[in-house]
Amino acid sequence: MVKVRRAIISVSDKKGLRELGLILKELGVEIISTGGTAKYLKDQGIDVIEVSEVTGFPEMLDGRVKTLHPAILGAILADRSKDEHLKQLNDAGIKPIDMVVCNLYPFKETILKPNVSMEEAIEQIDIGGVTLIRAAAKNYKHVAVVVDPMDYGDIARMLKENDCTLSEDYLISLAKKAFMYTADYDDTIYEYFKGADDEFPDLLTLHFEKMFDLRYGENPHQKAAFYRDVDAVEGTLATAKQLHGKELSYNNILDLDAAWRLVNEFQVPAVAIIKHNNPCGVGLGTNTLEAYSKAFESDPVSAYGGIIAINRPVDEELAKMISENFYEVVAAPAFLEEALEILTQKKNLRIMYMGEERPKTHFKKDIRRVCGGVLVQDYDVYEITREDLKVVTDRKPTEEEIENMLFAWKVVKHVKSNAIVVAKGLATVGIGAGQMSRIDSVKIAIAKAGSRAENGVLASDAFFPFADSVEEAAKAGISAIIQPGGSIRDQESIDTANRLGIAMVLTGIRHFRH
């Protein structure tokens, strides 16, 4: 327990400070303050004691040194349970400080401004404030440390209700938040000094803040929560807003992320339907109605209960089509009012407003957990254009085939390996995902396509180890194949394609997705 009689306040962000200061004044708490904070409080009619009056020294070095003095730090760090500490304070004429209210110079906000120099950034590295916070957090049993203006209301209420006393449980919760705050601050400075050139540093620090707890993880017996990257940009899942429906589940979030990334591959209207982190239908069109129809018709059975993403606003007509089927989530940059009236009639349908921003890279690095560590790699954003395609067969692909191959190539990147996509008319008609052998993925994709495979194209995320996949494609009527190449048996596949009249192009780029 701590009874707050004396507090020091030094803040950059003055949000909520007036209200807290007035409560402290009402309760008779003596307030010590610094520079701009002291002026602000005085302007609000709140009496303060300047730090220089306590230390006997004026602020120095353009304000770099204000609170770094035994009269301040000794007053915070003294262990009140030790008689010797109290005697030393008394001998030095130092009165204990019971509460530290402090937030730091706006380093992050400064470096986000355009054309900020290194000198400007360095001046926003707080030294005294961090010291105050860490000292109080270390001595949390005897000193309250307050770094978040959102806590001011609770603190004021507790002080008023409990004779200026705060409980130890609450004090330790404040200390944990304080250490988290300074860790985040230091990490931001480290990232700034590290710079973009050091892509894979010797020490990897990850910074995420919790958005909300989830009911459970992939399965009901697993606990889970959703965290956002502190540097998340607009247009990502972390900045999306849920407009309607049940709370998102762990699996919803995984599938929603996969769907949103996929439709953002395309500049024209696109719709993707995802099931178990794989697309079951993707379509492009001159409008969203056409794109949706193509995506749904790709695999109507698998679409049931899926996650649907659209890269254009949802209007009334599209909402009517979507509402005819059961989906877990629908995500789009925007929803017209008439569309929301229709979709919200489905009580449990989760409606996600993603915003107009469409970032190509959703985060700086792709990070995956393994037992005892993490794997870190660049995010796969490599794009192939028609100029990159290498025709290796006697028959050259038509313009229509090239267009469909480039479409299928973008989709196959989002399918679990071994991945095969059969496409026709800028729509998927068959997808084979996650098989241990490539020929099995080919057979599944062709079986899904059925007669629609005739004169369609086939995309493979990696090379064909044998020519059997080409033979299966020919049986189904596939007219063109796009694949990376790179197998020692490439020539066998090329010769088979020539024999069977199939056009084949190589990309030289693989898109494994494990």
Protein backbone atom coordinates (compact mmCIF):
# COMPACT_ATOMS: atom_id res chain seq x y z
CA MET A 1 0.00 0.00 0.00
CA VAL A 2 1.13 3.54 -0.76
CA LYS A 3 -0.34 6.73 0.65
CA VAL A 4 0.29 9.48 -1.88
CA ARG A 5 1.35 12.70 -0.18
CA ARG A 6 3.92 13.94 -2.66
CA ALA A 7 4.09 13.50 -6.44
CA ILE A 8 6.39 14.51 -9.27
CA ILE A 9 4.81 15.22 -12.67
CA SER A 10 6.83 15.54 -15.88
CA VAL A 11 4.95 14.78 -19.09
CA SER A 12 5.22 15.45 -22.79
CA ASP A 13 1.63 14.36 -23.51
CA LYS A 14 -0.60 16.56 -21.34
CA LYS A 15 -3.85 14.82 -22.19
CA GLY A 16 -5.99 14.49 -19.05
CA LEU A 17 -3.38 16.26 -16.91
CA ARG A 18 -5.60 19.16 -15.87
CA GLU A 19 -8.20 16.85 -14.34
CA LEU A 20 -5.59 14.75 -12.52
CA GLY A 21 -3.82 17.87 -11.24
CA LEU A 22 -7.04 19.34 -9.87
CA ILE A 23 -7.82 16.11 -7.99
CA LEU A 24 -4.32 16.02 -6.49
CA LYS A 25 -4.71 19.64 -5.47
CA GLU A 26 -8.09 18.89 -3.88
CA LEU A 27 -6.56 15.99 -1.93
CA GLY A 28 -3.68 18.13 -0.69
CA VAL A 29 -0.96 16.23 -2.56
CA GLU A 30 2.23 18.25 -2.95
CA ILE A 31 3.22 18.45 -6.63
CA ILE A 32 6.77 18.80 -7.95
CA SER A 33 7.06 19.55 -11.65
CA THR A 34 9.44 20.49 -14.45
CA GLY A 35 9.62 23.05 -17.25
CA GLY A 36 6.63 23.05 -19.57
CA THR A 37 4.62 20.74 -17.31
CA ALA A 38 5.01 23.11 -14.36
CA LYS A 39 3.91 26.07 -16.49
CA TYR A 40 0.89 24.14 -17.77
CA LEU A 41 -0.24 23.17 -14.26
CA LYS A 42 0.23 26.71 -12.95
CA ASP A 43 -1.86 28.01 -15.85
CA GLN A 44 -4.63 25.67 -14.65
CA GLY A 45 -4.49 27.20 -11.18
CA ILE A 46 -2.63 24.25 -9.67
CA ASP A 47 0.20 24.99 -7.25
CA VAL A 48 3.50 23.28 -8.04
CA ILE A 49 7.04 23.27 -6.70
CA GLU A 50 9.67 23.61 -9.44
CA VAL A 51 12.25 20.83 -9.52
CA SER A 52 15.02 23.39 -9.23
CA GLU A 53 13.59 24.42 -5.83
CA VAL A 54 13.91 20.81 -4.65
CA THR A 55 17.38 20.12 -6.09
CA GLY A 56 18.91 23.55 -5.54
CA PHE A 57 20.18 23.48 -9.12
CA PRO A 58 18.68 25.09 -12.22
CA GLU A 59 17.88 23.06 -15.31
CA MET A 60 21.07 22.58 -17.38
CA LEU A 61 22.20 21.86 -20.92
CA ASP A 62 19.03 23.08 -22.67
CA GLY A 63 16.90 21.02 -20.32
CA ARG A 64 18.84 17.77 -20.76
CA VAL A 65 19.49 17.70 -17.00
CA LYS A 66 16.58 18.49 -14.70
CA THR A 67 15.60 15.57 -12.48
CA LEU A 68 18.88 13.62 -12.36
CA HIS A 69 19.66 14.55 -8.77
CA PRO A 70 19.70 12.68 -5.41
CA ALA A 71 16.97 14.95 -4.06
CA ILE A 72 14.66 13.50 -6.71
CA LEU A 73 16.00 10.00 -7.35
CA GLY A 74 16.74 9.34 -3.67
CA ALA A 75 13.20 10.43 -2.84
CA ILE A 76 11.86 7.87 -5.34
CA LEU A 77 14.26 4.95 -4.83
CA ALA A 78 14.34 4.81 -1.02
CA ASP A 79 13.00 1.51 0.33
CA ARG A 80 10.57 2.67 3.00
CA SER A 81 10.80 -0.71 4.77
CA LYS A 82 14.48 -0.06 5.57
CA ASP A 83 15.21 2.22 8.50
CA GLU A 84 18.67 2.97 7.14
CA HIS A 85 17.20 4.29 3.86
CA LEU A 86 14.79 6.54 5.75
CA LYS A 87 17.61 7.77 8.00
CA GLN A 88 19.74 8.65 4.97
CA LEU A 89 16.85 10.59 3.46
CA ASN A 90 16.30 12.42 6.72
CA ASP A 91 20.00 13.22 7.13
CA ALA A 92 20.06 14.66 3.59
CA GLY A 93 16.86 16.61 4.12
CA ILE A 94 15.05 14.69 1.37
CA LYS A 95 11.31 14.08 1.54
CA PRO A 96 10.01 10.85 -0.09
CA ILE A 97 8.12 11.04 -3.39
CA ASP A 98 5.12 8.68 -3.47
CA MET A 99 3.98 9.00 -7.08
CA VAL A 100 5.70 9.61 -10.42
CA VAL A 101 3.52 10.76 -13.32
CA CYS A 102 5.65 10.76 -16.44
CA ASN A 103 5.49 10.16 -20.17
CA LEU A 104 8.41 10.61 -22.51
CA TYR A 105 9.56 12.89 -25.31
CA PRO A 106 7.71 12.03 -28.56
CA PHE A 107 10.56 10.17 -30.27
CA LYS A 108 8.34 7.96 -32.43
CA GLU A 109 6.11 10.84 -33.52
CA THR A 110 9.20 12.88 -34.39
CA ILE A 111 10.89 10.29 -36.60
CA LEU A 112 7.64 9.69 -38.51
CA LYS A 113 7.67 13.29 -39.71
CA PRO A 114 9.15 13.87 -43.18
CA ASN A 115 12.77 14.98 -43.54
CA VAL A 116 13.64 14.68 -39.85
CA SER A 117 17.39 14.93 -39.27
CA MET A 118 19.39 12.67 -36.98
CA GLU A 119 20.05 15.67 -34.72
CA GLU A 120 16.32 16.38 -34.35
CA ALA A 121 15.65 12.72 -33.55
CA ILE A 122 18.42 12.56 -30.95
CA GLU A 123 17.00 15.57 -29.10
CA GLN A 124 13.79 13.59 -28.61
CA ILE A 125 15.56 10.76 -26.75
CA ASP A 126 14.37 11.13 -23.17
CA ILE A 127 16.91 10.45 -20.41
CA GLY A 128 15.55 11.94 -17.19
CA GLY A 129 12.00 10.73 -17.81
CA VAL A 130 13.10 7.14 -18.41
CA THR A 131 15.15 7.30 -15.20
CA LEU A 132 12.19 8.57 -13.18
CA ILE A 133 9.92 5.84 -14.56
CA ARG A 134 12.37 3.00 -14.02
CA ALA A 135 13.24 4.19 -10.52
CA ALA A 136 9.59 4.33 -9.51
CA ALA A 137 8.78 0.99 -11.18
CA LYS A 138 11.70 -0.67 -9.39
CA ASN A 139 10.38 0.67 -6.09
CA TYR A 140 6.73 -0.09 -6.93
CA LYS A 141 5.89 -1.25 -3.39
CA HIS A 142 6.42 2.29 -2.16
CA VAL A 143 5.93 4.49 -5.26
CA ALA A 144 3.13 4.64 -7.82
CA VAL A 145 4.39 5.04 -11.39
CA VAL A 146 1.91 6.40 -13.95
CA VAL A 147 2.84 6.49 -17.64
CA ASP A 148 -0.55 6.19 -19.35
CA PRO A 149 -3.00 9.14 -19.34
CA MET A 150 -5.79 6.57 -19.72
CA ASP A 151 -5.08 5.54 -16.10
CA TYR A 152 -5.57 9.02 -14.66
CA GLY A 153 -9.30 8.55 -14.14
CA ASP A 154 -8.94 5.28 -12.21
CA ILE A 155 -6.12 6.71 -10.09
CA ALA A 156 -8.08 9.84 -9.22
CA ARG A 157 -11.11 7.75 -8.25
CA MET A 158 -9.06 5.37 -6.07
CA LEU A 159 -7.23 8.20 -4.35
CA LYS A 160 -10.51 9.94 -3.52
CA GLU A 161 -12.22 6.75 -2.33
CA ASN A 162 -9.27 5.34 -0.32
CA ASP A 163 -7.81 8.30 1.53
CA CYS A 164 -5.05 8.84 -1.06
CA THR A 165 -4.00 5.18 -0.84
CA LEU A 166 -3.26 2.73 -3.68
CA SER A 167 -3.15 -1.05 -3.23
CA GLU A 168 -0.05 -3.14 -3.88
CA ASP A 169 -1.81 -5.16 -6.59
CA TYR A 170 -2.58 -1.96 -8.46
CA LEU A 171 0.95 -0.65 -7.91
CA ILE A 172 2.52 -3.72 -9.50
CA SER A 173 0.15 -3.47 -12.47
CA LEU A 174 1.32 0.13 -12.96
CA ALA A 175 4.96 -0.99 -12.71
CA LYS A 176 4.49 -3.68 -15.36
CA LYS A 177 2.95 -1.15 -17.69
CA ALA A 178 5.84 1.23 -17.00
CA PHE A 179 8.51 -1.33 -17.88
CA MET A 180 6.58 -2.25 -21.02
CA TYR A 181 6.42 1.45 -21.91
CA THR A 182 10.14 2.08 -21.53
CA ALA A 183 10.98 -1.17 -23.35
CA ASP A 184 8.86 -0.04 -26.30
CA TYR A 185 10.49 3.38 -26.22
CA ASP A 186 14.01 1.95 -26.22
CA ASP A 187 13.14 -0.52 -28.96
CA THR A 188 11.86 2.30 -31.17
CA ILE A 189 15.17 4.12 -30.71
CA TYR A 190 17.10 0.93 -31.46
CA GLU A 191 15.10 0.33 -34.65
CA TYR A 192 15.78 3.91 -35.75
CA PHE A 193 19.52 3.65 -35.21
CA LYS A 194 19.64 0.17 -36.71
CA GLY A 195 18.21 1.53 -39.93
CA ALA A 196 16.71 -0.28 -42.88
CA ASP A 197 20.03 -1.66 -44.11
CA ASP A 198 20.37 -4.09 -41.21
CA GLU A 199 17.67 -6.47 -42.44
CA PHE A 200 18.60 -9.41 -40.25
CA PRO A 201 20.08 -8.00 -37.02
CA ASP A 202 22.01 -10.07 -34.50
CA LEU A 203 19.25 -9.40 -31.97
CA LEU A 204 15.67 -9.55 -33.24
CA THR A 205 13.12 -7.62 -31.23
CA LEU A 206 9.42 -7.99 -31.98
CA HIS A 207 6.90 -5.42 -30.90
CA PHE A 208 3.19 -6.13 -30.83
CA GLU A 209 0.38 -4.84 -28.66
CA LYS A 210 -2.68 -6.86 -27.72
CA MET A 211 -5.89 -5.90 -29.46
CA PHE A 212 -8.19 -8.46 -27.86
CA ASP A 213 -8.45 -11.94 -26.43
CA LEU A 214 -10.03 -14.65 -28.55
CA ARG A 215 -12.52 -17.24 -27.35
CA TYR A 216 -9.94 -19.92 -28.21
CA GLY A 217 -7.23 -20.75 -30.74
CA GLU A 218 -7.31 -23.14 -33.67
CA ASN A 219 -9.12 -25.59 -31.39
CA PRO A 220 -11.28 -25.01 -28.30
CA HIS A 221 -8.65 -26.35 -25.89
CA GLN A 222 -6.10 -23.68 -27.00
CA LYS A 223 -6.04 -20.16 -25.53
CA ALA A 224 -5.40 -17.30 -27.96
CA ALA A 225 -5.24 -13.53 -28.45
CA PHE A 226 -4.77 -11.16 -31.39
CA TYR A 227 -1.83 -8.73 -31.34
CA ARG A 228 -1.14 -5.91 -33.77
CA ASP A 229 2.22 -4.75 -35.03
CA VAL A 230 2.86 -1.36 -33.45
CA ASP A 231 3.90 -0.16 -36.92
CA ALA A 232 0.84 -1.58 -38.70
CA VAL A 233 -0.27 0.60 -41.59
CA GLU A 234 -3.78 1.37 -42.77
CA GLY A 235 -5.39 -1.27 -44.97
CA THR A 236 -4.12 -4.21 -42.94
CA LEU A 237 -6.12 -6.57 -40.81
CA ALA A 238 -4.79 -4.91 -37.66
CA THR A 239 -6.46 -1.62 -38.64
CA ALA A 240 -9.73 -3.11 -39.92
CA LYS A 241 -13.04 -2.33 -38.20
CA GLN A 242 -15.72 -4.93 -37.56
CA LEU A 243 -19.12 -3.49 -38.44
CA HIS A 244 -21.33 -6.45 -37.57
CA GLY A 245 -21.51 -10.06 -36.47
CA LYS A 246 -19.99 -12.40 -33.94
CA GLU A 247 -16.50 -11.80 -32.65
CA LEU A 248 -13.72 -12.98 -34.90
CA SER A 249 -12.18 -16.36 -34.15
CA TYR A 250 -8.52 -17.36 -34.49
CA ASN A 251 -9.26 -19.26 -37.71
CA ASN A 252 -11.38 -16.38 -39.05
CA ILE A 253 -8.43 -14.04 -38.68
CA LEU A 254 -6.03 -16.41 -40.44
CA ASP A 255 -8.40 -16.91 -43.36
CA LEU A 256 -9.36 -13.25 -43.53
CA ASP A 257 -5.72 -12.27 -43.76
CA ALA A 258 -5.18 -14.80 -46.57
CA ALA A 259 -8.24 -13.56 -48.47
CA TRP A 260 -7.34 -9.88 -48.12
CA ARG A 261 -3.76 -10.42 -49.27
CA LEU A 262 -4.95 -12.33 -52.31
CA VAL A 263 -7.46 -9.77 -53.62
CA ASN A 264 -4.86 -7.04 -53.14
CA GLU A 265 -2.77 -8.73 -55.83
CA PHE A 266 -5.13 -7.30 -58.45
CA GLN A 267 -5.91 -3.81 -59.71
CA VAL A 268 -9.17 -4.81 -61.40
CA PRO A 269 -12.27 -5.90 -59.42
CA ALA A 270 -11.40 -9.17 -57.66
CA VAL A 271 -13.11 -11.56 -55.27
CA ALA A 272 -11.47 -14.36 -53.30
CA ILE A 273 -13.17 -17.03 -51.21
CA ILE A 274 -10.89 -18.72 -48.69
CA LYS A 275 -11.38 -21.95 -46.79
CA HIS A 276 -8.79 -23.36 -44.36
CA ASN A 277 -6.21 -20.80 -45.50
CA ASN A 278 -6.47 -21.84 -49.16
CA PRO A 279 -8.48 -20.18 -51.92
CA CYS A 280 -11.40 -22.25 -53.16
CA GLY A 281 -12.40 -19.61 -55.70
CA VAL A 282 -10.91 -16.44 -57.18
CA GLY A 283 -12.40 -14.34 -59.94
CA LEU A 284 -11.69 -11.12 -61.81
CA GLY A 285 -14.27 -9.07 -63.65
CA THR A 286 -15.22 -5.76 -65.14
CA ASN A 287 -17.28 -5.31 -61.95
CA THR A 288 -17.64 -7.02 -58.57
CA LEU A 289 -20.77 -8.94 -59.60
CA GLU A 290 -18.89 -10.67 -62.39
CA ALA A 291 -15.85 -11.28 -60.18
CA TYR A 292 -18.01 -12.73 -57.40
CA SER A 293 -19.92 -15.03 -59.75
CA LYS A 294 -16.66 -16.41 -61.13
CA ALA A 295 -15.17 -16.95 -57.67
CA PHE A 296 -18.28 -18.67 -56.32
CA GLU A 297 -18.77 -20.89 -59.38
CA SER A 298 -15.17 -22.09 -59.09
CA ASP A 299 -16.14 -24.40 -56.18
CA PRO A 300 -19.63 -23.69 -54.71
CA VAL A 301 -19.42 -26.63 -52.31
CA SER A 302 -16.15 -25.51 -50.71
CA ALA A 303 -17.32 -21.88 -50.64
CA TYR A 304 -19.93 -22.76 -48.01
CA GLY A 305 -18.79 -21.31 -44.67
CA GLY A 306 -15.80 -19.59 -46.24
CA ILE A 307 -14.25 -16.16 -45.89
CA ILE A 308 -14.88 -13.76 -48.74
CA ALA A 309 -12.82 -10.69 -49.62
CA ILE A 310 -13.56 -8.07 -52.27
CA ASN A 311 -11.15 -5.34 -53.37
CA ARG A 312 -13.93 -2.89 -54.21
CA PRO A 313 -16.81 -1.40 -52.16
CA VAL A 314 -19.83 -3.68 -51.74
CA ASP A 315 -23.05 -2.32 -53.24
CA GLU A 316 -26.66 -3.44 -52.85
CA GLU A 317 -26.65 -5.85 -55.78
CA LEU A 318 -23.49 -7.64 -54.66
CA ALA A 319 -24.77 -7.80 -51.08
CA LYS A 320 -27.89 -9.60 -52.33
CA MET A 321 -25.75 -12.20 -54.12
CA ILE A 322 -23.51 -12.71 -51.09
CA SER A 323 -26.49 -13.09 -48.76
CA GLU A 324 -27.80 -16.02 -50.79
CA ASN A 325 -24.99 -18.16 -49.39
CA PHE A 326 -23.47 -18.85 -45.98
CA TYR A 327 -20.16 -17.13 -45.24
CA GLU A 328 -18.33 -16.60 -41.97
CA VAL A 329 -16.79 -13.24 -42.90
CA VAL A 330 -17.07 -10.71 -45.69
CA ALA A 331 -14.34 -8.07 -46.03
CA ALA A 332 -14.14 -5.07 -48.34
CA PRO A 333 -12.72 -1.54 -48.52
CA ALA A 334 -16.21 -0.14 -47.89
CA PHE A 335 -19.91 -1.06 -47.74
CA LEU A 336 -22.69 1.11 -49.11
CA GLU A 337 -25.54 1.75 -46.69
CA GLU A 338 -27.98 -0.34 -48.73
CA ALA A 339 -25.51 -3.22 -48.74
CA LEU A 340 -25.14 -3.10 -44.96
CA GLU A 341 -28.92 -3.19 -44.53
CA ILE A 342 -28.98 -6.47 -46.44
CA LEU A 343 -25.88 -8.10 -44.94
CA THR A 344 -26.65 -7.20 -41.34
CA GLN A 345 -29.86 -9.24 -41.57
CA LYS A 346 -27.54 -12.21 -41.14
CA LYS A 347 -27.02 -12.06 -37.38
CA ASN A 348 -23.70 -13.89 -37.18
CA LEU A 349 -22.05 -12.70 -40.40
CA ARG A 350 -18.87 -10.81 -39.56
CA ILE A 351 -18.59 -7.70 -41.72
CA MET A 352 -15.11 -6.21 -41.91
CA TYR A 353 -14.41 -2.68 -43.12
CA MET A 354 -10.82 -2.76 -44.38
CA GLY A 355 -10.44 0.85 -45.53
CA GLU A 356 -9.38 2.26 -48.87
CA GLU A 357 -5.61 1.77 -48.38
CA ARG A 358 -4.24 -1.33 -50.08
CA PRO A 359 -0.64 -1.92 -49.01
CA LYS A 360 1.29 -4.47 -51.03
CA THR A 361 3.47 -5.58 -48.12
CA HIS A 362 1.53 -6.17 -44.96
CA PHE A 363 4.58 -6.30 -42.73
CA LYS A 364 8.33 -5.84 -43.01
CA LYS A 365 9.35 -9.47 -42.58
CA ASP A 366 7.64 -12.83 -42.67
CA ILE A 367 8.22 -14.43 -39.26
CA ARG A 368 7.26 -17.98 -38.32
CA ARG A 369 7.68 -19.73 -35.01
CA VAL A 370 9.55 -23.03 -34.79
CA CYS A 371 10.44 -25.00 -31.70
CA GLY A 372 13.13 -22.99 -29.92
CA GLY A 373 13.26 -20.10 -32.38
CA VAL A 374 11.83 -18.25 -35.34
CA LEU A 375 12.44 -18.21 -39.07
CA VAL A 376 12.64 -14.78 -40.68
CA GLN A 377 12.42 -14.05 -44.38
CA ASP A 378 11.39 -11.36 -46.84
CA TYR A 379 7.70 -11.35 -47.60
CA ASP A 380 6.96 -12.88 -51.01
CA VAL A 381 5.92 -9.88 -53.11
CA TYR A 382 7.74 -10.80 -56.32
CA GLU A 383 5.65 -10.03 -59.39
CA ILE A 384 5.96 -11.59 -62.82
CA THR A 385 5.08 -9.65 -65.96
CA ARG A 386 4.59 -10.98 -69.46
CA GLU A 387 8.07 -9.70 -70.32
CA ASP A 388 9.50 -12.12 -67.71
CA LEU A 389 7.89 -15.18 -69.28
CA LYS A 390 10.19 -17.53 -71.17
CA VAL A 391 8.38 -19.56 -73.82
CA VAL A 392 10.09 -22.97 -74.06
CA THR A 393 7.71 -24.88 -76.38
CA ASP A 394 7.21 -24.84 -80.11
CA ARG A 395 3.67 -23.55 -79.69
CA LYS A 396 3.53 -19.99 -78.41
CA PRO A 397 0.75 -19.10 -75.99
CA THR A 398 -2.04 -16.84 -77.21
CA GLU A 399 -2.68 -13.44 -75.64
CA GLU A 400 -5.70 -14.89 -73.83
CA GLU A 401 -3.61 -17.76 -72.47
CA ILE A 402 -0.92 -15.36 -71.28
CA GLU A 403 -3.52 -13.24 -69.49
CA ASN A 404 -4.95 -16.30 -67.76
CA MET A 405 -1.53 -17.69 -66.88
CA LEU A 406 -0.51 -14.43 -65.22
CA PHE A 407 -3.78 -14.48 -63.28
CA ALA A 408 -3.27 -18.11 -62.23
CA TRP A 409 0.33 -17.36 -61.27
CA LYS A 410 -0.79 -14.67 -58.81
CA VAL A 411 -3.32 -17.04 -57.28
CA VAL A 412 -0.98 -20.03 -56.98
CA LYS A 413 1.31 -17.95 -54.76
CA HIS A 414 -1.47 -17.99 -52.16
CA VAL A 415 -2.10 -21.75 -52.28
CA LYS A 416 -0.35 -24.17 -49.94
CA SER A 417 2.38 -26.24 -51.59
CA ASN A 418 2.33 -28.40 -53.55
CA ALA A 419 0.05 -25.96 -55.35
CA ILE A 420 -1.73 -26.22 -58.69
CA VAL A 421 -4.26 -23.77 -60.11
CA VAL A 422 -6.37 -24.34 -63.22
CA ALA A 423 -7.84 -21.12 -64.60
CA LYS A 424 -10.04 -20.02 -67.45
CA GLY A 425 -11.69 -16.73 -68.26
CA LEU A 426 -9.79 -14.97 -65.45
CA ALA A 427 -11.30 -17.28 -62.86
CA THR A 428 -10.08 -20.33 -61.02
CA VAL A 429 -11.89 -23.49 -62.05
CA GLY A 430 -9.81 -26.00 -60.10
CA ILE A 431 -7.30 -25.77 -57.24
CA GLY A 432 -5.11 -28.52 -55.81
CA ALA A 433 -3.45 -27.62 -52.52
CA GLY A 434 -1.08 -29.01 -49.93
CA GLN A 435 -0.40 -32.43 -51.37
CA MET A 436 2.82 -34.31 -50.74
CA SER A 437 3.28 -35.07 -54.44
CA ARG A 438 2.75 -32.61 -57.25
CA ILE A 439 0.91 -35.06 -59.46
CA ASP A 440 -1.74 -35.49 -56.74
CA SER A 441 -2.28 -31.72 -56.63
CA VAL A 442 -2.61 -31.74 -60.43
CA LYS A 443 -5.21 -34.52 -60.29
CA ILE A 444 -7.22 -32.75 -57.57
CA ALA A 445 -7.22 -29.44 -59.47
CA ILE A 446 -8.28 -31.14 -62.69
CA ALA A 447 -10.98 -33.16 -60.92
CA LYS A 448 -12.34 -29.93 -59.39
CA ALA A 449 -12.32 -28.28 -62.81
CA GLY A 450 -14.01 -31.14 -64.64
CA SER A 451 -15.01 -30.17 -68.17
CA ARG A 452 -14.07 -26.56 -67.46
CA ALA A 453 -10.40 -27.53 -67.74
CA GLU A 454 -10.82 -27.77 -71.53
CA ASN A 455 -8.71 -24.97 -73.09
CA GLY A 456 -7.82 -23.71 -69.64
CA VAL A 457 -4.35 -22.94 -68.27
CA LEU A 458 -2.47 -24.58 -65.42
CA ALA A 459 -0.11 -22.88 -62.96
CA SER A 460 2.34 -24.77 -60.75
CA ASP A 461 4.08 -23.08 -57.82
CA ALA A 462 7.26 -25.13 -58.40
CA PHE A 463 8.81 -27.16 -61.18
CA PHE A 464 7.53 -30.53 -62.39
CA PRO A 465 9.89 -33.28 -61.19
CA PHE A 466 8.47 -35.57 -63.88
CA ALA A 467 6.52 -35.21 -67.10
CA ASP A 468 3.48 -37.03 -65.67
CA SER A 469 1.86 -33.74 -64.60
CA VAL A 470 2.02 -32.45 -68.17
CA GLU A 471 0.42 -35.65 -69.42
CA GLU A 472 -2.43 -35.33 -66.89
CA ALA A 473 -2.95 -31.72 -67.96
CA ALA A 474 -3.17 -32.74 -71.60
CA LYS A 475 -5.77 -35.43 -70.85
CA ALA A 476 -7.95 -32.74 -69.30
CA GLY A 477 -7.60 -30.44 -72.30
CA ILE A 478 -5.25 -27.88 -70.70
CA SER A 479 -3.81 -25.68 -73.46
CA ALA A 480 -1.02 -23.82 -71.63
CA ILE A 481 1.14 -24.25 -68.53
CA ILE A 482 3.07 -21.74 -66.45
CA GLN A 483 5.72 -23.03 -64.05
CA PRO A 484 9.09 -21.92 -62.63
CA GLY A 485 11.31 -24.50 -64.30
CA GLY A 486 14.60 -25.53 -62.73
CA SER A 487 14.22 -29.32 -62.64
CA ILE A 488 16.92 -31.58 -64.02
CA ARG A 489 14.03 -33.08 -66.03
CA ASP A 490 12.74 -29.81 -67.44
CA GLN A 491 13.46 -30.96 -70.97
CA GLU A 492 11.29 -34.05 -70.48
CA SER A 493 8.37 -31.84 -69.49
CA ILE A 494 9.04 -29.49 -72.42
CA ASP A 495 9.28 -32.38 -74.89
CA THR A 496 6.01 -33.84 -73.56
CA ALA A 497 4.30 -30.46 -73.91
CA ASN A 498 5.55 -30.21 -77.49
CA ARG A 499 4.32 -33.70 -78.28
CA LEU A 500 0.89 -32.94 -76.84
CA GLY A 501 0.53 -29.44 -78.33
CA ILE A 502 0.64 -27.54 -75.02
CA ALA A 503 2.26 -24.13 -74.74
CA MET A 504 4.62 -23.84 -71.76
CA VAL A 505 6.26 -20.80 -70.21
CA LEU A 506 8.83 -20.64 -67.41
CA THR A 507 9.00 -17.87 -64.82
CA GLY A 508 12.32 -18.69 -63.16
CA ILE A 509 10.64 -17.85 -59.83
CA ARG A 510 9.19 -20.35 -57.33
CA HIS A 511 6.29 -19.65 -54.96
CA PHE A 512 6.43 -22.32 -52.24
CA ARG A 513 3.99 -21.68 -49.39
CA HIS A 514 4.47 -24.19 -46.62
